[in-house]
N, C-alpha and C. Protein backbone atom coordinates (compact mmCIF):
# COMPACT_ATOMS: atom_id res chain seq x y z
N MET A 1 0.58 39.39 -53.18
CA MET A 1 0.98 39.79 -51.85
C MET A 1 0.16 39.06 -50.77
N SER A 2 -1.16 38.90 -51.04
CA SER A 2 -2.00 38.25 -50.05
C SER A 2 -1.68 36.76 -49.95
N SER A 3 -1.29 36.13 -51.05
CA SER A 3 -0.92 34.72 -50.97
C SER A 3 0.39 34.55 -50.21
N LEU A 4 1.29 35.53 -50.30
CA LEU A 4 2.54 35.49 -49.54
C LEU A 4 2.25 35.59 -48.05
N ARG A 5 1.28 36.47 -47.70
CA ARG A 5 0.89 36.62 -46.29
C ARG A 5 0.28 35.31 -45.77
N SER A 6 -0.53 34.68 -46.57
CA SER A 6 -1.16 33.42 -46.16
C SER A 6 -0.11 32.33 -45.93
N ILE A 7 0.82 32.25 -46.87
CA ILE A 7 1.88 31.25 -46.73
C ILE A 7 2.74 31.55 -45.50
N LEU A 8 3.05 32.82 -45.28
CA LEU A 8 3.85 33.22 -44.13
C LEU A 8 3.12 32.93 -42.82
N SER A 9 1.82 33.17 -42.79
CA SER A 9 1.01 32.88 -41.59
C SER A 9 1.00 31.39 -41.28
N VAL A 10 0.80 30.58 -42.31
CA VAL A 10 0.79 29.13 -42.12
C VAL A 10 2.15 28.64 -41.65
N LEU A 11 3.20 29.21 -42.22
CA LEU A 11 4.55 28.84 -41.83
C LEU A 11 4.82 29.21 -40.37
N LEU A 12 4.41 30.39 -39.97
CA LEU A 12 4.60 30.80 -38.57
C LEU A 12 3.80 29.92 -37.60
N VAL A 13 2.59 29.57 -37.99
CA VAL A 13 1.78 28.68 -37.15
C VAL A 13 2.46 27.32 -37.03
N ALA A 14 2.97 26.79 -38.12
CA ALA A 14 3.65 25.50 -38.09
C ALA A 14 4.89 25.55 -37.21
N ILE A 15 5.68 26.61 -37.32
CA ILE A 15 6.88 26.75 -36.50
C ILE A 15 6.50 26.87 -35.02
N THR A 16 5.44 27.62 -34.72
CA THR A 16 4.99 27.78 -33.33
C THR A 16 4.54 26.43 -32.76
N ILE A 17 3.76 25.69 -33.52
CA ILE A 17 3.30 24.37 -33.05
C ILE A 17 4.49 23.45 -32.82
N PHE A 18 5.44 23.45 -33.73
CA PHE A 18 6.63 22.62 -33.59
C PHE A 18 7.42 22.99 -32.33
N CYS A 19 7.60 24.29 -32.09
CA CYS A 19 8.37 24.74 -30.92
C CYS A 19 7.67 24.39 -29.62
N VAL A 20 6.36 24.56 -29.60
CA VAL A 20 5.61 24.25 -28.38
C VAL A 20 5.62 22.75 -28.10
N SER A 21 5.44 21.95 -29.14
CA SER A 21 5.40 20.50 -28.92
C SER A 21 6.76 19.93 -28.55
N CYS A 22 7.82 20.55 -28.99
CA CYS A 22 9.16 20.06 -28.67
C CYS A 22 9.74 20.76 -27.46
N GLY A 23 9.00 21.66 -26.89
CA GLY A 23 9.50 22.43 -25.75
C GLY A 23 9.91 21.52 -24.61
N GLY A 24 11.02 21.82 -24.01
CA GLY A 24 11.54 21.01 -22.91
C GLY A 24 11.14 21.61 -21.58
N GLY A 25 9.86 21.74 -21.36
CA GLY A 25 9.37 22.27 -20.09
C GLY A 25 9.73 21.36 -18.94
N PRO A 26 9.47 21.79 -17.74
CA PRO A 26 9.83 20.97 -16.57
C PRO A 26 9.08 19.64 -16.59
N GLN A 27 9.83 18.59 -16.45
CA GLN A 27 9.28 17.25 -16.43
C GLN A 27 9.26 16.74 -14.99
N ALA A 28 8.17 16.10 -14.61
CA ALA A 28 8.09 15.52 -13.28
C ALA A 28 8.99 14.29 -13.26
N VAL A 29 9.88 14.25 -12.29
CA VAL A 29 10.79 13.12 -12.17
C VAL A 29 10.26 12.20 -11.07
N ILE A 30 10.05 10.95 -11.43
CA ILE A 30 9.57 9.97 -10.46
C ILE A 30 10.78 9.41 -9.73
N PRO A 31 10.82 9.58 -8.39
CA PRO A 31 11.98 9.08 -7.67
C PRO A 31 12.06 7.55 -7.73
N THR A 32 13.29 7.06 -7.78
CA THR A 32 13.50 5.61 -7.85
C THR A 32 14.11 5.05 -6.57
N THR A 33 14.51 5.93 -5.67
CA THR A 33 15.05 5.51 -4.37
C THR A 33 14.43 6.36 -3.28
N TYR A 34 14.49 5.86 -2.08
CA TYR A 34 13.94 6.57 -0.94
C TYR A 34 15.00 7.51 -0.37
N SER A 35 14.63 8.75 -0.20
CA SER A 35 15.53 9.71 0.44
C SER A 35 15.46 9.48 1.95
N PRO A 36 16.47 9.90 2.69
CA PRO A 36 16.41 9.77 4.14
C PRO A 36 15.19 10.47 4.75
N GLU A 37 14.79 11.59 4.14
CA GLU A 37 13.62 12.32 4.64
C GLU A 37 12.35 11.51 4.43
N LYS A 38 12.26 10.86 3.26
CA LYS A 38 11.09 10.05 2.95
C LYS A 38 11.01 8.84 3.88
N ILE A 39 12.15 8.23 4.15
CA ILE A 39 12.18 7.09 5.06
C ILE A 39 11.73 7.52 6.46
N GLU A 40 12.16 8.68 6.86
CA GLU A 40 11.76 9.21 8.17
C GLU A 40 10.25 9.45 8.22
N GLN A 41 9.68 9.97 7.13
CA GLN A 41 8.23 10.17 7.06
C GLN A 41 7.49 8.83 7.11
N LEU A 42 8.01 7.85 6.41
CA LEU A 42 7.36 6.54 6.38
C LEU A 42 7.34 5.87 7.75
N GLN A 43 8.35 6.15 8.56
CA GLN A 43 8.41 5.53 9.89
C GLN A 43 7.22 5.94 10.75
N ILE A 44 6.68 7.11 10.49
CA ILE A 44 5.49 7.56 11.23
C ILE A 44 4.32 6.64 10.91
N PHE A 45 4.20 6.25 9.63
CA PHE A 45 3.13 5.33 9.22
C PHE A 45 3.40 3.90 9.70
N VAL A 46 4.67 3.52 9.71
CA VAL A 46 5.05 2.14 10.02
C VAL A 46 4.85 1.82 11.50
N GLU A 47 5.07 2.78 12.36
CA GLU A 47 5.06 2.51 13.80
C GLU A 47 3.80 1.79 14.29
N PRO A 48 2.58 2.29 14.03
CA PRO A 48 1.40 1.55 14.53
C PRO A 48 1.19 0.21 13.83
N ILE A 49 1.64 0.10 12.58
CA ILE A 49 1.51 -1.16 11.85
C ILE A 49 2.46 -2.20 12.43
N ALA A 50 3.69 -1.79 12.72
CA ALA A 50 4.66 -2.71 13.32
C ALA A 50 4.20 -3.13 14.71
N GLU A 51 3.57 -2.23 15.43
CA GLU A 51 3.05 -2.57 16.76
C GLU A 51 1.93 -3.61 16.64
N ALA A 52 1.07 -3.42 15.65
CA ALA A 52 0.00 -4.41 15.43
C ALA A 52 0.60 -5.77 15.07
N ARG A 53 1.68 -5.75 14.29
CA ARG A 53 2.33 -7.02 13.92
C ARG A 53 2.88 -7.72 15.16
N SER A 54 3.48 -6.95 16.04
CA SER A 54 4.04 -7.57 17.24
C SER A 54 2.94 -8.09 18.18
N ASN A 55 1.74 -7.57 18.03
CA ASN A 55 0.62 -8.02 18.88
C ASN A 55 -0.23 -9.10 18.22
N MET A 56 0.20 -9.59 17.07
CA MET A 56 -0.56 -10.65 16.39
C MET A 56 -0.56 -11.95 17.21
N SER A 57 0.38 -12.08 18.12
CA SER A 57 0.41 -13.29 18.96
C SER A 57 -0.84 -13.37 19.85
N VAL A 58 -1.43 -12.23 20.14
CA VAL A 58 -2.67 -12.23 20.93
C VAL A 58 -3.76 -12.97 20.14
N LEU A 59 -3.85 -12.66 18.85
CA LEU A 59 -4.84 -13.34 18.00
C LEU A 59 -4.52 -14.84 17.93
N LYS A 60 -3.24 -15.16 17.82
CA LYS A 60 -2.84 -16.57 17.77
C LYS A 60 -3.31 -17.30 19.04
N GLY A 61 -3.17 -16.63 20.18
CA GLY A 61 -3.60 -17.23 21.44
C GLY A 61 -5.10 -17.47 21.48
N PHE A 62 -5.87 -16.51 21.00
CA PHE A 62 -7.32 -16.68 20.96
C PHE A 62 -7.72 -17.85 20.08
N ILE A 63 -7.03 -17.98 18.93
CA ILE A 63 -7.33 -19.08 18.02
C ILE A 63 -6.94 -20.41 18.66
N ALA A 64 -5.77 -20.46 19.28
CA ALA A 64 -5.30 -21.70 19.91
C ALA A 64 -6.24 -22.14 21.03
N GLU A 65 -6.77 -21.16 21.77
CA GLU A 65 -7.70 -21.47 22.87
C GLU A 65 -9.13 -21.69 22.38
N GLN A 66 -9.33 -21.51 21.07
CA GLN A 66 -10.65 -21.59 20.46
C GLN A 66 -11.63 -20.62 21.14
N ASN A 67 -11.09 -19.47 21.46
CA ASN A 67 -11.88 -18.40 22.05
C ASN A 67 -12.42 -17.55 20.90
N TRP A 68 -13.52 -18.00 20.31
CA TRP A 68 -14.02 -17.43 19.07
C TRP A 68 -14.59 -16.04 19.24
N ILE A 69 -15.16 -15.75 20.37
CA ILE A 69 -15.71 -14.40 20.60
C ILE A 69 -14.58 -13.38 20.63
N ASP A 70 -13.53 -13.67 21.39
CA ASP A 70 -12.40 -12.74 21.46
C ASP A 70 -11.62 -12.68 20.14
N THR A 71 -11.63 -13.78 19.39
CA THR A 71 -10.97 -13.77 18.08
C THR A 71 -11.64 -12.73 17.18
N GLY A 72 -12.95 -12.80 17.07
CA GLY A 72 -13.68 -11.83 16.25
C GLY A 72 -13.57 -10.41 16.79
N THR A 73 -13.63 -10.28 18.10
CA THR A 73 -13.53 -8.97 18.71
C THR A 73 -12.16 -8.35 18.45
N TYR A 74 -11.12 -9.16 18.53
CA TYR A 74 -9.77 -8.64 18.31
C TYR A 74 -9.56 -8.21 16.85
N ILE A 75 -10.13 -8.98 15.93
CA ILE A 75 -10.01 -8.62 14.51
C ILE A 75 -10.71 -7.30 14.24
N HIS A 76 -11.88 -7.13 14.80
CA HIS A 76 -12.65 -5.91 14.53
C HIS A 76 -12.27 -4.76 15.45
N GLY A 77 -11.65 -5.06 16.58
CA GLY A 77 -11.26 -4.02 17.53
C GLY A 77 -9.86 -3.50 17.27
N PRO A 78 -8.86 -4.05 17.97
CA PRO A 78 -7.48 -3.56 17.83
C PRO A 78 -6.93 -3.62 16.40
N LEU A 79 -7.37 -4.58 15.61
CA LEU A 79 -6.88 -4.66 14.23
C LEU A 79 -7.79 -3.90 13.25
N GLY A 80 -8.84 -3.29 13.76
CA GLY A 80 -9.81 -2.62 12.91
C GLY A 80 -9.25 -1.44 12.13
N ALA A 81 -8.37 -0.65 12.73
CA ALA A 81 -7.82 0.53 12.06
C ALA A 81 -6.64 0.17 11.14
N LEU A 82 -6.22 -1.06 11.19
CA LEU A 82 -5.04 -1.48 10.44
C LEU A 82 -5.22 -1.35 8.93
N ARG A 83 -6.41 -1.60 8.43
CA ARG A 83 -6.65 -1.52 6.98
C ARG A 83 -6.36 -0.11 6.47
N GLN A 84 -6.86 0.88 7.17
CA GLN A 84 -6.64 2.27 6.77
C GLN A 84 -5.15 2.64 6.88
N GLN A 85 -4.50 2.19 7.94
CA GLN A 85 -3.09 2.50 8.14
C GLN A 85 -2.23 1.87 7.04
N MET A 86 -2.51 0.62 6.70
CA MET A 86 -1.72 -0.05 5.67
C MET A 86 -1.98 0.56 4.29
N THR A 87 -3.21 0.97 4.05
CA THR A 87 -3.53 1.63 2.77
C THR A 87 -2.80 2.96 2.67
N SER A 88 -2.79 3.72 3.73
CA SER A 88 -2.09 5.01 3.72
C SER A 88 -0.60 4.81 3.50
N LEU A 89 -0.04 3.83 4.16
CA LEU A 89 1.38 3.56 3.99
C LEU A 89 1.67 3.12 2.55
N SER A 90 0.83 2.26 2.00
CA SER A 90 1.03 1.80 0.62
C SER A 90 1.07 2.97 -0.35
N ARG A 91 0.18 3.93 -0.16
CA ARG A 91 0.12 5.09 -1.05
C ARG A 91 1.30 6.02 -0.87
N SER A 92 1.99 5.93 0.24
CA SER A 92 3.13 6.81 0.51
C SER A 92 4.44 6.24 -0.01
N LEU A 93 4.42 5.00 -0.46
CA LEU A 93 5.64 4.37 -0.96
C LEU A 93 5.95 4.86 -2.37
N LEU A 94 7.14 4.51 -2.85
CA LEU A 94 7.48 4.83 -4.23
C LEU A 94 6.52 4.12 -5.17
N THR A 95 6.37 4.66 -6.35
CA THR A 95 5.42 4.12 -7.32
C THR A 95 5.64 2.64 -7.56
N LYS A 96 6.89 2.21 -7.66
CA LYS A 96 7.19 0.80 -7.94
C LYS A 96 6.78 -0.12 -6.79
N ASP A 97 6.66 0.41 -5.58
CA ASP A 97 6.32 -0.41 -4.42
C ASP A 97 4.84 -0.34 -4.04
N GLN A 98 4.13 0.61 -4.60
CA GLN A 98 2.73 0.82 -4.19
C GLN A 98 1.83 -0.37 -4.50
N LYS A 99 1.91 -0.87 -5.73
CA LYS A 99 1.02 -1.97 -6.13
C LYS A 99 1.30 -3.25 -5.35
N PRO A 100 2.57 -3.69 -5.23
CA PRO A 100 2.80 -4.90 -4.44
C PRO A 100 2.36 -4.75 -2.98
N ALA A 101 2.59 -3.59 -2.40
CA ALA A 101 2.19 -3.36 -1.01
C ALA A 101 0.67 -3.40 -0.87
N ALA A 102 -0.02 -2.77 -1.81
CA ALA A 102 -1.49 -2.76 -1.76
C ALA A 102 -2.04 -4.18 -1.92
N GLU A 103 -1.43 -4.96 -2.80
CA GLU A 103 -1.90 -6.34 -3.00
C GLU A 103 -1.64 -7.21 -1.77
N LEU A 104 -0.49 -7.03 -1.14
CA LEU A 104 -0.21 -7.80 0.09
C LEU A 104 -1.16 -7.40 1.21
N ALA A 105 -1.46 -6.12 1.32
CA ALA A 105 -2.40 -5.67 2.34
C ALA A 105 -3.78 -6.29 2.07
N LYS A 106 -4.18 -6.31 0.81
CA LYS A 106 -5.47 -6.89 0.45
C LYS A 106 -5.51 -8.38 0.80
N GLU A 107 -4.44 -9.08 0.50
CA GLU A 107 -4.38 -10.51 0.83
C GLU A 107 -4.40 -10.72 2.35
N PHE A 108 -3.67 -9.87 3.06
CA PHE A 108 -3.65 -9.97 4.52
C PHE A 108 -5.07 -9.83 5.08
N PHE A 109 -5.80 -8.84 4.60
CA PHE A 109 -7.15 -8.64 5.12
C PHE A 109 -8.11 -9.73 4.66
N GLY A 110 -7.83 -10.32 3.52
CA GLY A 110 -8.61 -11.48 3.11
C GLY A 110 -8.44 -12.63 4.10
N HIS A 111 -7.21 -12.80 4.57
CA HIS A 111 -6.95 -13.85 5.57
C HIS A 111 -7.64 -13.52 6.90
N LEU A 112 -7.62 -12.25 7.29
CA LEU A 112 -8.31 -11.87 8.53
C LEU A 112 -9.81 -12.12 8.40
N GLU A 113 -10.37 -11.83 7.24
CA GLU A 113 -11.79 -12.09 7.02
C GLU A 113 -12.08 -13.59 7.09
N SER A 114 -11.16 -14.38 6.57
CA SER A 114 -11.32 -15.84 6.64
C SER A 114 -11.21 -16.34 8.07
N ILE A 115 -10.32 -15.74 8.85
CA ILE A 115 -10.20 -16.10 10.27
C ILE A 115 -11.50 -15.75 10.99
N ASP A 116 -12.05 -14.60 10.68
CA ASP A 116 -13.31 -14.18 11.30
C ASP A 116 -14.44 -15.15 10.94
N ALA A 117 -14.49 -15.55 9.68
CA ALA A 117 -15.52 -16.50 9.26
C ALA A 117 -15.30 -17.86 9.93
N ALA A 118 -14.04 -18.28 10.05
CA ALA A 118 -13.74 -19.55 10.72
C ALA A 118 -14.12 -19.48 12.20
N ALA A 119 -13.94 -18.31 12.80
CA ALA A 119 -14.32 -18.15 14.20
C ALA A 119 -15.83 -18.28 14.36
N LYS A 120 -16.56 -17.73 13.43
CA LYS A 120 -18.03 -17.85 13.48
C LYS A 120 -18.46 -19.30 13.29
N ASP A 121 -17.71 -20.03 12.47
CA ASP A 121 -18.00 -21.45 12.23
C ASP A 121 -17.34 -22.36 13.26
N ARG A 122 -16.53 -21.77 14.14
CA ARG A 122 -15.79 -22.53 15.16
C ARG A 122 -14.87 -23.58 14.51
N ASN A 123 -14.20 -23.15 13.44
CA ASN A 123 -13.33 -24.06 12.68
C ASN A 123 -11.87 -23.71 12.99
N SER A 124 -11.29 -24.42 13.91
CA SER A 124 -9.94 -24.15 14.38
C SER A 124 -8.89 -24.36 13.29
N ALA A 125 -9.02 -25.42 12.50
CA ALA A 125 -8.02 -25.73 11.47
C ALA A 125 -7.93 -24.61 10.44
N VAL A 126 -9.07 -24.12 9.97
CA VAL A 126 -9.07 -23.04 8.98
C VAL A 126 -8.51 -21.77 9.60
N ALA A 127 -8.92 -21.47 10.82
CA ALA A 127 -8.45 -20.25 11.48
C ALA A 127 -6.93 -20.28 11.65
N GLN A 128 -6.38 -21.41 12.05
CA GLN A 128 -4.92 -21.51 12.22
C GLN A 128 -4.19 -21.39 10.90
N ARG A 129 -4.70 -22.03 9.85
CA ARG A 129 -4.06 -21.95 8.54
C ARG A 129 -4.11 -20.51 8.00
N GLN A 130 -5.25 -19.87 8.15
CA GLN A 130 -5.38 -18.49 7.68
C GLN A 130 -4.52 -17.53 8.50
N TYR A 131 -4.35 -17.82 9.76
CA TYR A 131 -3.47 -17.01 10.61
C TYR A 131 -2.03 -17.08 10.10
N ARG A 132 -1.56 -18.29 9.79
CA ARG A 132 -0.19 -18.44 9.27
C ARG A 132 -0.02 -17.70 7.95
N GLU A 133 -1.00 -17.79 7.07
CA GLU A 133 -0.95 -17.10 5.78
C GLU A 133 -0.99 -15.58 5.99
N ALA A 134 -1.78 -15.15 6.95
CA ALA A 134 -1.86 -13.71 7.24
C ALA A 134 -0.51 -13.17 7.70
N LEU A 135 0.17 -13.94 8.54
CA LEU A 135 1.49 -13.51 9.02
C LEU A 135 2.49 -13.41 7.87
N LYS A 136 2.45 -14.36 6.94
CA LYS A 136 3.36 -14.32 5.80
C LYS A 136 3.13 -13.05 4.98
N ASP A 137 1.87 -12.73 4.72
CA ASP A 137 1.57 -11.53 3.94
C ASP A 137 1.91 -10.26 4.72
N PHE A 138 1.66 -10.28 6.01
CA PHE A 138 1.97 -9.11 6.85
C PHE A 138 3.48 -8.85 6.84
N ASP A 139 4.26 -9.90 7.02
CA ASP A 139 5.71 -9.75 7.02
C ASP A 139 6.23 -9.30 5.65
N ALA A 140 5.66 -9.86 4.59
CA ALA A 140 6.06 -9.45 3.23
C ALA A 140 5.72 -7.98 3.00
N PHE A 141 4.59 -7.54 3.51
CA PHE A 141 4.20 -6.12 3.40
C PHE A 141 5.24 -5.25 4.11
N LEU A 142 5.58 -5.61 5.32
CA LEU A 142 6.55 -4.81 6.09
C LEU A 142 7.94 -4.86 5.46
N ASP A 143 8.27 -5.94 4.75
CA ASP A 143 9.58 -6.03 4.08
C ASP A 143 9.70 -5.05 2.92
N ILE A 144 8.58 -4.66 2.34
CA ILE A 144 8.61 -3.69 1.24
C ILE A 144 8.99 -2.31 1.74
N VAL A 145 8.60 -2.01 2.96
CA VAL A 145 8.83 -0.66 3.51
C VAL A 145 10.29 -0.51 3.91
N PRO A 146 10.95 0.56 3.44
CA PRO A 146 12.35 0.75 3.82
C PRO A 146 12.46 1.08 5.31
N GLN A 147 13.50 0.57 5.92
CA GLN A 147 13.72 0.79 7.35
C GLN A 147 14.73 1.92 7.56
N ALA A 148 14.53 2.65 8.63
CA ALA A 148 15.47 3.69 8.99
C ALA A 148 16.79 3.06 9.44
N SER A 149 17.87 3.70 9.10
CA SER A 149 19.19 3.15 9.45
C SER A 149 19.51 3.39 10.91
C-alpha cells in the first residue's frame, strides 16, 4: 500500500509539473506596428528634436564663418540637451527600431564631438565634413520615427 502511495505521489507531481510548464498563461505581446496613440506620444518627444534639426543651419553658419568660439558654445548650449532627448525617443520606439535609432544618435553625437574638436583645432575642413555627416545621421534618425498623419 505504501509503495502505491509513493508511485501515486510521484505521478501527481509529474502531472502537476507538466501542467504548469505547459500552461498557457498570459504572454507579453511585442507590438510590431505603431498605434495612432503611440505615434501621438512620440510626437511629444520628436518636437524639440525636429526643432534642433531645423536650427542646425546656425551651426553651419558658425563653421562657415570659422567662428570657433560660437561653434563650441552652440554644440554645448542649444544642442546640449539633444543627447538626452534623442536617447529618450530611441527608448520609446518599437523594439525593432530602438537599436538602429540609438546607433544613429551615437554616431550623430560622435560627429558633434568631432566638430567641437575641429573647432578647438581651428580646422574648417574637418568641421565641415563632420557637419555633413552629422546631418546625414540626424536625418536618418528622424526617418526612423513614425510621423503623425
